Amino acid sequence: MNYTLGESLLDIIFTNLNDVAAKPGGSMLNTAVSLGRMNLPVMHISEIGSNRVAGLMLDFLEKNGVNTDYITQYKGENTSVALAFLDQKKKPSYQFVNAYPGVRKLKLPPVFHAGDILLFGSLYSISTPIRKDILTCIHEAKKAGSLLLYDPNIRHKHHLEEQQVVGAMLENIRLAHIIKASDEDCANLFGSNSPEIYLETLSQINAHALIILTLGAAGVMARFKNMEVKMDAIQVEVVSTIGAGDAFNAGLILALQTLEINPGNLQDINLHQLKTILEKGIQTAATVCCSMENYIPVTTGA
């Protein structure tokens, strides 16, 4: 089983005032939908309100093959919203309207298994009110032999002003088997620097993890043990970059499952396998850039 652990919200996407689209969103939710459309089993662990938006989103997830049993629904609460404003390069800037109750509690799977994959990340994974539940989920999955994939997805430097939040993010990096970060994430985390320095910095935090660094239109780099790889992006006519990194994660998960990669054999992957994993991520990311959706098209299968 694949698990995605992260926020669920409604993305309202503005190209301009006359060109607006609304889509279920949240980084891990986007990945879950892409996995569902690949016909891979996936459960989304999250929170949502009980308004009409929540009902539409839950229906959308179920119709796209995403199990919603572990989405906590808060009665009488609204659902969080993200306003996304696309620039001329189709990259978004965000304003978030979070809607959570004073007391929050995640519903977690009772058991994980070897062969499962848990994807977690974004600010959600370092959120203080649910951090205890997040850590319980991560530790239980790791103890069971599940593969842990972490995507920091830090879009603004000011989100890391509190030392407690920085500590939680570093803890996530240390716990993961695979870390996929963007150059934008790393600039916010570590300051402006070269991709090579970002790879080295992440490797110093977790020397045993596969480190993957996405570079937008410049492609992707990866470092693992004595291997370092750089691959080009697929050039497409970009409609929106929202969900591209999330689709990249879905491609990674598909490749990891196809190659039957788990914590026990991750250290044994070779250069060809690493390139195969990255290629699938690049392909799925490029597909999502070609539409206003945050996920791969319905017609795209595994």
C-alpha atoms as a PDB file:
ATOM      1  CA  MET A   1       0.000   0.000   0.000  1.00  0.00           C
ATOM      2  CA  ASN A   2       1.073   3.575  -0.657  1.00  0.00           C
ATOM      3  CA  TYR A   3       0.321   6.217   1.958  1.00  0.00           C
ATOM      4  CA  THR A   4       0.408   9.982   1.516  1.00  0.00           C
ATOM      5  CA  LEU A   5       0.472  12.089   4.671  1.00  0.00           C
ATOM      6  CA  GLY A   6      -0.291  15.767   4.207  1.00  0.00           C
ATOM      7  CA  GLU A   7      -2.761  18.629   3.964  1.00  0.00           C
ATOM      8  CA  SER A   8      -6.004  18.593   1.975  1.00  0.00           C
ATOM      9  CA  LEU A   9      -7.224  21.936   0.693  1.00  0.00           C
ATOM     10  CA  LEU A  10      -8.940  23.597  -2.228  1.00  0.00           C
ATOM     11  CA  ASP A  11      -6.591  25.255  -4.706  1.00  0.00           C
ATOM     12  CA  ILE A  12      -8.113  28.311  -6.364  1.00  0.00           C
ATOM     13  CA  ILE A  13      -5.767  29.070  -9.255  1.00  0.00           C
ATOM     14  CA  PHE A  14      -5.641  32.528 -10.816  1.00  0.00           C
ATOM     15  CA  THR A  15      -4.103  33.168 -14.215  1.00  0.00           C
ATOM     16  CA  ASN A  16      -5.996  36.459 -14.128  1.00  0.00           C
ATOM     17  CA  LEU A  17      -9.376  37.557 -12.765  1.00  0.00           C
ATOM     18  CA  ASN A  18     -11.145  36.154 -15.819  1.00  0.00           C
ATOM     19  CA  ASP A  19      -9.263  32.865 -15.822  1.00  0.00           C
ATOM     20  CA  VAL A  20      -9.762  31.053 -12.517  1.00  0.00           C
ATOM     21  CA  ALA A  21      -9.828  27.318 -11.755  1.00  0.00           C
ATOM     22  CA  ALA A  22     -10.587  25.390  -8.559  1.00  0.00           C
ATOM     23  CA  LYS A  23      -8.984  22.001  -7.881  1.00  0.00           C
ATOM     24  CA  PRO A  24      -8.547  19.757  -4.841  1.00  0.00           C
ATOM     25  CA  GLY A  25      -4.983  20.365  -3.718  1.00  0.00           C
ATOM     26  CA  GLY A  26      -2.262  19.966  -1.179  1.00  0.00           C
ATOM     27  CA  SER A  27       1.076  18.486  -2.190  1.00  0.00           C
ATOM     28  CA  MET A  28       0.559  14.963  -0.845  1.00  0.00           C
ATOM     29  CA  LEU A  29      -3.070  14.905  -2.014  1.00  0.00           C
ATOM     30  CA  ASN A  30      -1.880  15.754  -5.529  1.00  0.00           C
ATOM     31  CA  THR A  31       0.510  12.808  -5.435  1.00  0.00           C
ATOM     32  CA  ALA A  32      -2.240  10.535  -4.120  1.00  0.00           C
ATOM     33  CA  VAL A  33      -4.518  11.419  -7.045  1.00  0.00           C
ATOM     34  CA  SER A  34      -1.746  10.762  -9.565  1.00  0.00           C
ATOM     35  CA  LEU A  35      -1.083   7.384  -7.918  1.00  0.00           C
ATOM     36  CA  GLY A  36      -4.787   6.569  -8.012  1.00  0.00           C
ATOM     37  CA  ARG A  37      -4.893   7.439 -11.702  1.00  0.00           C
ATOM     38  CA  MET A  38      -1.930   5.105 -12.218  1.00  0.00           C
ATOM     39  CA  ASN A  39      -4.107   2.366 -10.687  1.00  0.00           C
ATOM     40  CA  LEU A  40      -1.758   2.032  -7.724  1.00  0.00           C
ATOM     41  CA  PRO A  41      -3.299   1.464  -4.273  1.00  0.00           C
ATOM     42  CA  VAL A  42      -3.125   4.621  -2.177  1.00  0.00           C
ATOM     43  CA  MET A  43      -4.503   5.926   1.117  1.00  0.00           C
ATOM     44  CA  HIS A  44      -4.409   9.620   2.014  1.00  0.00           C
ATOM     45  CA  ILE A  45      -3.905  10.552   5.689  1.00  0.00           C
ATOM     46  CA  SER A  46      -5.162  14.070   6.290  1.00  0.00           C
ATOM     47  CA  GLU A  47      -7.772  16.423   7.765  1.00  0.00           C
ATOM     48  CA  ILE A  48     -10.724  18.205   6.207  1.00  0.00           C
ATOM     49  CA  GLY A  49     -13.823  20.154   7.201  1.00  0.00           C
ATOM     50  CA  SER A  50     -17.461  19.188   6.782  1.00  0.00           C
ATOM     51  CA  ASN A  51     -18.640  21.912   4.390  1.00  0.00           C
ATOM     52  CA  ARG A  52     -19.701  21.486   0.762  1.00  0.00           C
ATOM     53  CA  VAL A  53     -16.123  21.882  -0.431  1.00  0.00           C
ATOM     54  CA  ALA A  54     -15.085  18.948   1.764  1.00  0.00           C
ATOM     55  CA  GLY A  55     -17.832  16.785   0.310  1.00  0.00           C
ATOM     56  CA  LEU A  56     -16.767  17.612  -3.237  1.00  0.00           C
ATOM     57  CA  MET A  57     -13.133  16.867  -2.427  1.00  0.00           C
ATOM     58  CA  LEU A  58     -13.845  13.526  -0.761  1.00  0.00           C
ATOM     59  CA  ASP A  59     -16.011  12.492  -3.700  1.00  0.00           C
ATOM     60  CA  PHE A  60     -13.247  13.527  -6.106  1.00  0.00           C
ATOM     61  CA  LEU A  61     -10.642  11.494  -4.221  1.00  0.00           C
ATOM     62  CA  GLU A  62     -12.775   8.374  -4.110  1.00  0.00           C
ATOM     63  CA  LYS A  63     -13.595   8.643  -7.818  1.00  0.00           C
ATOM     64  CA  ASN A  64      -9.869   8.843  -8.535  1.00  0.00           C
ATOM     65  CA  GLY A  65      -8.942   5.717  -6.610  1.00  0.00           C
ATOM     66  CA  VAL A  66      -7.779   7.335  -3.366  1.00  0.00           C
ATOM     67  CA  ASN A  67      -8.889   5.649  -0.140  1.00  0.00           C
ATOM     68  CA  THR A  68     -10.195   8.297   2.289  1.00  0.00           C
ATOM     69  CA  ASP A  69     -10.619   6.126   5.404  1.00  0.00           C
ATOM     70  CA  TYR A  70      -7.847   8.019   7.223  1.00  0.00           C
ATOM     71  CA  ILE A  71      -8.982  11.551   6.469  1.00  0.00           C
ATOM     72  CA  THR A  72     -10.232  13.122   9.697  1.00  0.00           C
ATOM     73  CA  GLN A  73     -13.387  15.129   9.018  1.00  0.00           C
ATOM     74  CA  TYR A  74     -14.138  17.868  11.546  1.00  0.00           C
ATOM     75  CA  LYS A  75     -17.844  18.533  12.004  1.00  0.00           C
ATOM     76  CA  GLY A  76     -18.902  22.143  11.691  1.00  0.00           C
ATOM     77  CA  GLU A  77     -15.541  23.242  10.258  1.00  0.00           C
ATOM     78  CA  ASN A  78     -14.609  24.730   6.910  1.00  0.00           C
ATOM     79  CA  THR A  79     -11.936  23.334   4.602  1.00  0.00           C
ATOM     80  CA  SER A  80      -8.594  25.052   4.082  1.00  0.00           C
ATOM     81  CA  VAL A  81      -8.071  27.033   0.883  1.00  0.00           C
ATOM     82  CA  ALA A  82      -4.956  28.006  -1.086  1.00  0.00           C
ATOM     83  CA  LEU A  83      -5.065  30.961  -3.454  1.00  0.00           C
ATOM     84  CA  ALA A  84      -2.478  30.336  -6.181  1.00  0.00           C
ATOM     85  CA  PHE A  85      -1.453  33.178  -8.497  1.00  0.00           C
ATOM     86  CA  LEU A  86       0.420  32.122 -11.648  1.00  0.00           C
ATOM     87  CA  ASP A  87       3.161  34.407 -12.967  1.00  0.00           C
ATOM     88  CA  GLN A  88       4.266  34.737 -16.602  1.00  0.00           C
ATOM     89  CA  LYS A  89       6.350  31.573 -16.266  1.00  0.00           C
ATOM     90  CA  LYS A  90       3.290  29.740 -14.871  1.00  0.00           C
ATOM     91  CA  LYS A  91       4.881  29.420 -11.436  1.00  0.00           C
ATOM     92  CA  PRO A  92       2.547  30.008  -8.482  1.00  0.00           C
ATOM     93  CA  SER A  93       2.765  32.240  -5.462  1.00  0.00           C
ATOM     94  CA  TYR A  94       0.407  31.317  -2.632  1.00  0.00           C
ATOM     95  CA  GLN A  95      -1.835  32.759   0.017  1.00  0.00           C
ATOM     96  CA  PHE A  96      -3.216  30.186   2.464  1.00  0.00           C
ATOM     97  CA  VAL A  97      -6.452  30.326   4.426  1.00  0.00           C
ATOM     98  CA  ASN A  98      -6.142  27.497   6.943  1.00  0.00           C
ATOM     99  CA  ALA A  99      -9.252  26.157   8.654  1.00  0.00           C
ATOM    100  CA  TYR A 100      -8.470  23.808  11.534  1.00  0.00           C
ATOM    101  CA  PRO A 101     -10.176  23.385  14.921  1.00  0.00           C
ATOM    102  CA  GLY A 102      -8.413  24.146  18.187  1.00  0.00           C
ATOM    103  CA  VAL A 103      -7.903  20.449  18.936  1.00  0.00           C
ATOM    104  CA  ARG A 104      -6.716  18.216  16.103  1.00  0.00           C
ATOM    105  CA  LYS A 105      -6.229  14.460  15.897  1.00  0.00           C
ATOM    106  CA  LEU A 106      -5.096  12.346  12.955  1.00  0.00           C
ATOM    107  CA  LYS A 107      -6.584   8.953  12.151  1.00  0.00           C
ATOM    108  CA  LEU A 108      -3.638   6.646  11.531  1.00  0.00           C
ATOM    109  CA  PRO A 109      -3.516   3.197   9.927  1.00  0.00           C
ATOM    110  CA  PRO A 110      -3.442   0.497  12.627  1.00  0.00           C
ATOM    111  CA  VAL A 111      -0.552  -1.295  10.962  1.00  0.00           C
ATOM    112  CA  PHE A 112       2.036  -0.753   8.233  1.00  0.00           C
ATOM    113  CA  HIS A 113       3.838  -3.480   6.307  1.00  0.00           C
ATOM    114  CA  ALA A 114       7.157  -4.108   4.625  1.00  0.00           C
ATOM    115  CA  GLY A 115       6.668  -3.113   0.999  1.00  0.00           C
ATOM    116  CA  ASP A 116       4.507  -0.105   1.875  1.00  0.00           C
ATOM    117  CA  ILE A 117       5.647   3.390   0.929  1.00  0.00           C
ATOM    118  CA  LEU A 118       4.901   6.439   3.078  1.00  0.00           C
ATOM    119  CA  LEU A 119       5.241   9.866   1.459  1.00  0.00           C
ATOM    120  CA  PHE A 120       5.181  12.813   3.852  1.00  0.00           C
ATOM    121  CA  GLY A 121       6.232  16.436   3.763  1.00  0.00           C
ATOM    122  CA  SER A 122       5.331  20.116   3.420  1.00  0.00           C
ATOM    123  CA  LEU A 123       4.672  22.396   6.391  1.00  0.00           C
ATOM    124  CA  TYR A 124       2.003  19.902   7.419  1.00  0.00           C
ATOM    125  CA  SER A 125       4.634  17.380   8.503  1.00  0.00           C
ATOM    126  CA  ILE A 126       6.296  19.884  10.850  1.00  0.00           C
ATOM    127  CA  SER A 127       3.073  21.424  12.186  1.00  0.00           C
ATOM    128  CA  THR A 128       3.294  21.626  15.980  1.00  0.00           C
ATOM    129  CA  PRO A 129      -0.389  20.790  16.801  1.00  0.00           C
ATOM    130  CA  ILE A 130      -0.165  17.410  15.030  1.00  0.00           C
ATOM    131  CA  ARG A 131       3.575  16.755  15.239  1.00  0.00           C
ATOM    132  CA  LYS A 132       3.143  13.955  17.775  1.00  0.00           C
ATOM    133  CA  ASP A 133       0.729  12.116  15.459  1.00  0.00           C
ATOM    134  CA  ILE A 134       3.023  12.735  12.481  1.00  0.00           C
ATOM    135  CA  LEU A 135       5.987  11.210  14.313  1.00  0.00           C
ATOM    136  CA  THR A 136       3.914   8.236  15.465  1.00  0.00           C
ATOM    137  CA  CYS A 137       2.954   7.551  11.861  1.00  0.00           C
ATOM    138  CA  ILE A 138       6.528   7.876  10.585  1.00  0.00           C
ATOM    139  CA  HIS A 139       8.043   5.703  13.321  1.00  0.00           C
ATOM    140  CA  GLU A 140       5.392   2.978  12.996  1.00  0.00           C
ATOM    141  CA  ALA A 141       5.893   2.831   9.234  1.00  0.00           C
ATOM    142  CA  LYS A 142       9.670   2.697   9.576  1.00  0.00           C
ATOM    143  CA  LYS A 143       9.501   0.025  12.276  1.00  0.00           C
ATOM    144  CA  ALA A 144       7.341  -2.109   9.980  1.00  0.00           C
ATOM    145  CA  GLY A 145       9.881  -1.913   7.160  1.00  0.00           C
ATOM    146  CA  SER A 146       8.041   0.602   4.991  1.00  0.00           C
ATOM    147  CA  LEU A 147       9.985   2.905   2.684  1.00  0.00           C
ATOM    148  CA  LEU A 148       9.887   6.568   3.781  1.00  0.00           C
ATOM    149  CA  LEU A 149       9.955   9.340   1.173  1.00  0.00           C
ATOM    150  CA  TYR A 150      10.217  12.935   2.436  1.00  0.00           C
ATOM    151  CA  ASP A 151       9.539  16.095   0.418  1.00  0.00           C
ATOM    152  CA  PRO A 152      10.202  19.266   2.486  1.00  0.00           C
ATOM    153  CA  ASN A 153       8.202  21.446   0.066  1.00  0.00           C
ATOM    154  CA  ILE A 154       9.165  24.656   1.917  1.00  0.00           C
ATOM    155  CA  ARG A 155       8.009  27.569  -0.215  1.00  0.00           C
ATOM    156  CA  HIS A 156       8.784  30.525   2.057  1.00  0.00           C
ATOM    157  CA  LYS A 157      11.805  31.159   4.257  1.00  0.00           C
ATOM    158  CA  HIS A 158       9.703  32.844   6.934  1.00  0.00           C
ATOM    159  CA  HIS A 159       8.049  29.478   7.633  1.00  0.00           C
ATOM    160  CA  LEU A 160      11.332  28.425   9.259  1.00  0.00           C
ATOM    161  CA  GLU A 161      11.702  31.296  11.694  1.00  0.00           C
ATOM    162  CA  GLU A 162      10.907  29.146  14.748  1.00  0.00           C
ATOM    163  CA  GLN A 163      13.673  26.846  15.979  1.00  0.00           C
ATOM    164  CA  GLN A 164      11.149  24.132  16.847  1.00  0.00           C
ATOM    165  CA  VAL A 165       9.975  24.024  13.228  1.00  0.00           C
ATOM    166  CA  VAL A 166      13.539  23.841  11.909  1.00  0.00           C
ATOM    167  CA  GLY A 167      14.272  21.002  14.327  1.00  0.00           C
ATOM    168  CA  ALA A 168      11.222  19.067  13.129  1.00  0.00           C
ATOM    169  CA  MET A 169      12.276  19.496   9.501  1.00  0.00           C
ATOM    170  CA  LEU A 170      15.795  18.243  10.230  1.00  0.00           C
ATOM    171  CA  GLU A 171      14.327  15.286  12.127  1.00  0.00           C
ATOM    172  CA  ASN A 172      12.218  14.406   9.081  1.00  0.00           C
ATOM    173  CA  ILE A 173      15.313  14.470   6.877  1.00  0.00           C
ATOM    174  CA  ARG A 174      17.146  12.134   9.259  1.00  0.00           C
ATOM    175  CA  LEU A 175      14.234   9.678   9.397  1.00  0.00           C
ATOM    176  CA  ALA A 176      13.655   9.342   5.642  1.00  0.00           C
ATOM    177  CA  HIS A 177      15.127   6.724   3.325  1.00  0.00           C
ATOM    178  CA  ILE A 178      14.672   9.008   0.306  1.00  0.00           C
ATOM    179  CA  ILE A 179      14.659  12.817   0.334  1.00  0.00           C
ATOM    180  CA  LYS A 180      13.292  14.683  -2.676  1.00  0.00           C
ATOM    181  CA  ALA A 181      13.751  18.429  -2.444  1.00  0.00           C
ATOM    182  CA  SER A 182      13.651  21.241  -4.978  1.00  0.00           C
ATOM    183  CA  ASP A 183      16.311  23.906  -5.408  1.00  0.00           C
ATOM    184  CA  GLU A 184      13.671  26.369  -4.169  1.00  0.00           C
ATOM    185  CA  ASP A 185      13.192  24.315  -0.995  1.00  0.00           C
ATOM    186  CA  CYS A 186      16.927  24.247  -0.379  1.00  0.00           C
ATOM    187  CA  ALA A 187      17.345  27.976  -0.951  1.00  0.00           C
ATOM    188  CA  ASN A 188      14.749  28.560   1.758  1.00  0.00           C
ATOM    189  CA  LEU A 189      16.281  25.959   4.056  1.00  0.00           C
ATOM    190  CA  PHE A 190      19.997  26.613   3.605  1.00  0.00           C
ATOM    191  CA  GLY A 191      20.343  29.932   1.743  1.00  0.00           C
ATOM    192  CA  SER A 192      21.228  30.590  -1.887  1.00  0.00           C
ATOM    193  CA  ASN A 193      23.873  28.190  -3.180  1.00  0.00           C
ATOM    194  CA  SER A 194      24.724  25.707  -5.922  1.00  0.00           C
ATOM    195  CA  PRO A 195      22.866  22.397  -6.446  1.00  0.00           C
ATOM    196  CA  GLU A 196      26.057  20.544  -5.567  1.00  0.00           C
ATOM    197  CA  ILE A 197      26.212  22.289  -2.194  1.00  0.00           C
ATOM    198  CA  TYR A 198      22.544  21.471  -1.543  1.00  0.00           C
ATOM    199  CA  LEU A 199      23.195  17.784  -2.268  1.00  0.00           C
ATOM    200  CA  GLU A 200      26.223  17.812   0.017  1.00  0.00           C
ATOM    201  CA  THR A 201      24.321  19.565   2.806  1.00  0.00           C
ATOM    202  CA  LEU A 202      21.444  17.079   2.706  1.00  0.00           C
ATOM    203  CA  SER A 203      23.905  14.168   2.549  1.00  0.00           C
ATOM    204  CA  GLN A 204      25.635  15.469   5.662  1.00  0.00           C
ATOM    205  CA  ILE A 205      22.315  15.486   7.518  1.00  0.00           C
ATOM    206  CA  ASN A 206      21.431  11.955   6.367  1.00  0.00           C
ATOM    207  CA  ALA A 207      24.397  10.067   4.927  1.00  0.00           C
ATOM    208  CA  HIS A 208      22.394   6.919   4.131  1.00  0.00           C
ATOM    209  CA  ALA A 209      19.511   8.496   2.203  1.00  0.00           C
ATOM    210  CA  LEU A 210      19.016   8.735  -1.530  1.00  0.00           C
ATOM    211  CA  ILE A 211      19.022  12.498  -2.162  1.00  0.00           C
ATOM    212  CA  ILE A 212      17.089  13.831  -5.167  1.00  0.00           C
ATOM    213  CA  LEU A 213      17.161  17.521  -6.087  1.00  0.00           C
ATOM    214  CA  THR A 214      14.740  18.883  -8.694  1.00  0.00           C
ATOM    215  CA  LEU A 215      15.825  21.984 -10.614  1.00  0.00           C
ATOM    216  CA  GLY A 216      12.674  22.952 -12.508  1.00  0.00           C
ATOM    217  CA  ALA A 217      13.339  23.420 -16.226  1.00  0.00           C
ATOM    218  CA  ALA A 218      17.032  22.620 -15.598  1.00  0.00           C
ATOM    219  CA  GLY A 219      16.225  19.000 -14.762  1.00  0.00           C
ATOM    220  CA  VAL A 220      17.128  16.902 -11.739  1.00  0.00           C
ATOM    221  CA  MET A 221      20.212  15.784  -9.828  1.00  0.00           C
ATOM    222  CA  ALA A 222      20.653  12.889  -7.434  1.00  0.00           C
ATOM    223  CA  ARG A 223      23.348  11.667  -5.083  1.00  0.00           C
ATOM    224  CA  PHE A 224      23.562   8.257  -3.486  1.00  0.00           C
ATOM    225  CA  LYS A 225      26.690   6.723  -1.973  1.00  0.00           C
ATOM    226  CA  ASN A 226      29.368   7.115  -4.684  1.00  0.00           C
ATOM    227  CA  MET A 227      26.887   7.919  -7.469  1.00  0.00           C
ATOM    228  CA  GLU A 228      25.893  11.384  -8.673  1.00  0.00           C
ATOM    229  CA  VAL A 229      23.546  11.844 -11.635  1.00  0.00           C
ATOM    230  CA  LYS A 230      22.161  14.828 -13.533  1.00  0.00           C
ATOM    231  CA  MET A 231      19.308  14.440 -16.010  1.00  0.00           C
ATOM    232  CA  ASP A 232      17.562  16.976 -18.222  1.00  0.00           C
ATOM    233  CA  ALA A 233      13.919  17.938 -17.912  1.00  0.00           C
ATOM    234  CA  ILE A 234      11.497  17.212 -20.745  1.00  0.00           C
ATOM    235  CA  GLN A 235      10.759  20.473 -22.551  1.00  0.00           C
ATOM    236  CA  VAL A 236       7.017  21.112 -22.845  1.00  0.00           C
ATOM    237  CA  GLU A 237       4.689  24.068 -23.326  1.00  0.00           C
ATOM    238  CA  VAL A 238       3.953  24.882 -19.699  1.00  0.00           C
ATOM    239  CA  VAL A 239       0.362  25.664 -18.713  1.00  0.00           C
ATOM    240  CA  SER A 240       0.929  25.463 -14.942  1.00  0.00           C
ATOM    241  CA  THR A 241       3.734  24.154 -12.746  1.00  0.00           C
ATOM    242  CA  ILE A 242       1.375  23.479  -9.816  1.00  0.00           C
ATOM    243  CA  GLY A 243       1.627  19.808  -8.916  1.00  0.00           C
ATOM    244  CA  ALA A 244       4.732  19.150 -11.031  1.00  0.00           C
ATOM    245  CA  GLY A 245       6.865  18.226  -8.026  1.00  0.00           C
ATOM    246  CA  ASP A 246       4.003  16.171  -6.608  1.00  0.00           C
ATOM    247  CA  ALA A 247       3.680  14.273  -9.879  1.00  0.00           C
ATOM    248  CA  PHE A 248       7.445  13.738  -9.804  1.00  0.00           C
ATOM    249  CA  ASN A 249       6.934  12.018  -6.445  1.00  0.00           C
ATOM    250  CA  ALA A 250       4.214   9.823  -7.940  1.00  0.00           C
ATOM    251  CA  GLY A 251       6.601   8.820 -10.710  1.00  0.00           C
ATOM    252  CA  LEU A 252       9.274   7.992  -8.141  1.00  0.00           C
ATOM    253  CA  ILE A 253       6.849   5.801  -6.212  1.00  0.00           C
ATOM    254  CA  LEU A 254       5.755   3.986  -9.373  1.00  0.00           C
ATOM    255  CA  ALA A 255       9.371   3.264 -10.295  1.00  0.00           C
ATOM    256  CA  LEU A 256      10.295   2.211  -6.754  1.00  0.00           C
ATOM    257  CA  GLN A 257       7.433  -0.274  -6.708  1.00  0.00           C
ATOM    258  CA  THR A 258       8.188  -1.557 -10.204  1.00  0.00           C
ATOM    259  CA  LEU A 259      11.806  -2.161  -9.187  1.00  0.00           C
ATOM    260  CA  GLU A 260      10.653  -3.585  -5.820  1.00  0.00           C
ATOM    261  CA  ILE A 261      12.886  -1.194  -3.886  1.00  0.00           C
ATOM    262  CA  ASN A 262      12.540  -1.363  -0.099  1.00  0.00           C
ATOM    263  CA  PRO A 263      14.633  -0.299   2.911  1.00  0.00           C
ATOM    264  CA  GLY A 264      16.411  -3.648   2.836  1.00  0.00           C
ATOM    265  CA  ASN A 265      17.742  -3.360  -0.715  1.00  0.00           C
ATOM    266  CA  LEU A 266      17.821   0.416  -1.249  1.00  0.00           C
ATOM    267  CA  GLN A 267      21.566   0.507  -0.556  1.00  0.00           C
ATOM    268  CA  ASP A 268      22.112  -1.944  -3.424  1.00  0.00           C
ATOM    269  CA  ILE A 269      20.543   0.058  -6.261  1.00  0.00           C
ATOM    270  CA  ASN A 270      22.806   0.621  -9.252  1.00  0.00           C
ATOM    271  CA  LEU A 271      23.230   3.541 -11.636  1.00  0.00           C
ATOM    272  CA  HIS A 272      20.785   2.128 -14.188  1.00  0.00           C
ATOM    273  CA  GLN A 273      18.079   1.712 -11.551  1.00  0.00           C
ATOM    274  CA  LEU A 274      18.694   5.223 -10.236  1.00  0.00           C
ATOM    275  CA  LYS A 275      18.305   6.672 -13.725  1.00  0.00           C
ATOM    276  CA  THR A 276      15.122   4.653 -14.239  1.00  0.00           C
ATOM    277  CA  ILE A 277      13.658   6.093 -11.029  1.00  0.00           C
ATOM    278  CA  LEU A 278      14.542   9.655 -12.028  1.00  0.00           C
ATOM    279  CA  GLU A 279      13.256   9.225 -15.596  1.00  0.00           C
ATOM    280  CA  LYS A 280       9.821   8.204 -14.370  1.00  0.00           C
ATOM    281  CA  GLY A 281       9.694  11.226 -12.083  1.00  0.00           C
ATOM    282  CA  ILE A 282      10.690  13.542 -14.928  1.00  0.00           C
ATOM    283  CA  GLN A 283       8.070  12.050 -17.247  1.00  0.00           C
ATOM    284  CA  THR A 284       5.182  12.413 -14.820  1.00  0.00           C
ATOM    285  CA  ALA A 285       6.204  15.950 -13.846  1.00  0.00           C
ATOM    286  CA  ALA A 286       6.279  17.015 -17.499  1.00  0.00           C
ATOM    287  CA  THR A 287       2.811  15.585 -18.063  1.00  0.00           C
ATOM    288  CA  VAL A 288       1.299  17.660 -15.259  1.00  0.00           C
ATOM    289  CA  CYS A 289       2.900  20.883 -16.530  1.00  0.00           C
ATOM    290  CA  CYS A 290       0.783  20.596 -19.686  1.00  0.00           C
ATOM    291  CA  SER A 291      -2.593  21.222 -18.009  1.00  0.00           C
ATOM    292  CA  MET A 292      -4.302  23.202 -15.256  1.00  0.00           C
ATOM    293  CA  GLU A 293      -4.763  20.013 -13.231  1.00  0.00           C
ATOM    294  CA  ASN A 294      -2.494  19.240 -10.285  1.00  0.00           C
ATOM    295  CA  TYR A 295      -2.167  15.560 -11.243  1.00  0.00           C
ATOM    296  CA  ILE A 296      -1.565  13.328 -14.253  1.00  0.00           C
ATOM    297  CA  PRO A 297      -4.466  13.059 -16.731  1.00  0.00           C
ATOM    298  CA  VAL A 298      -7.051  10.346 -16.205  1.00  0.00           C
ATOM    299  CA  THR A 299      -5.916   8.629 -19.405  1.00  0.00           C
ATOM    300  CA  THR A 300      -2.325   8.276 -18.172  1.00  0.00           C
ATOM    301  CA  GLY A 301      -1.757   4.858 -16.648  1.00  0.00           C
ATOM    302  CA  ALA A 302       1.194   3.098 -15.065  1.00  0.00           C
END
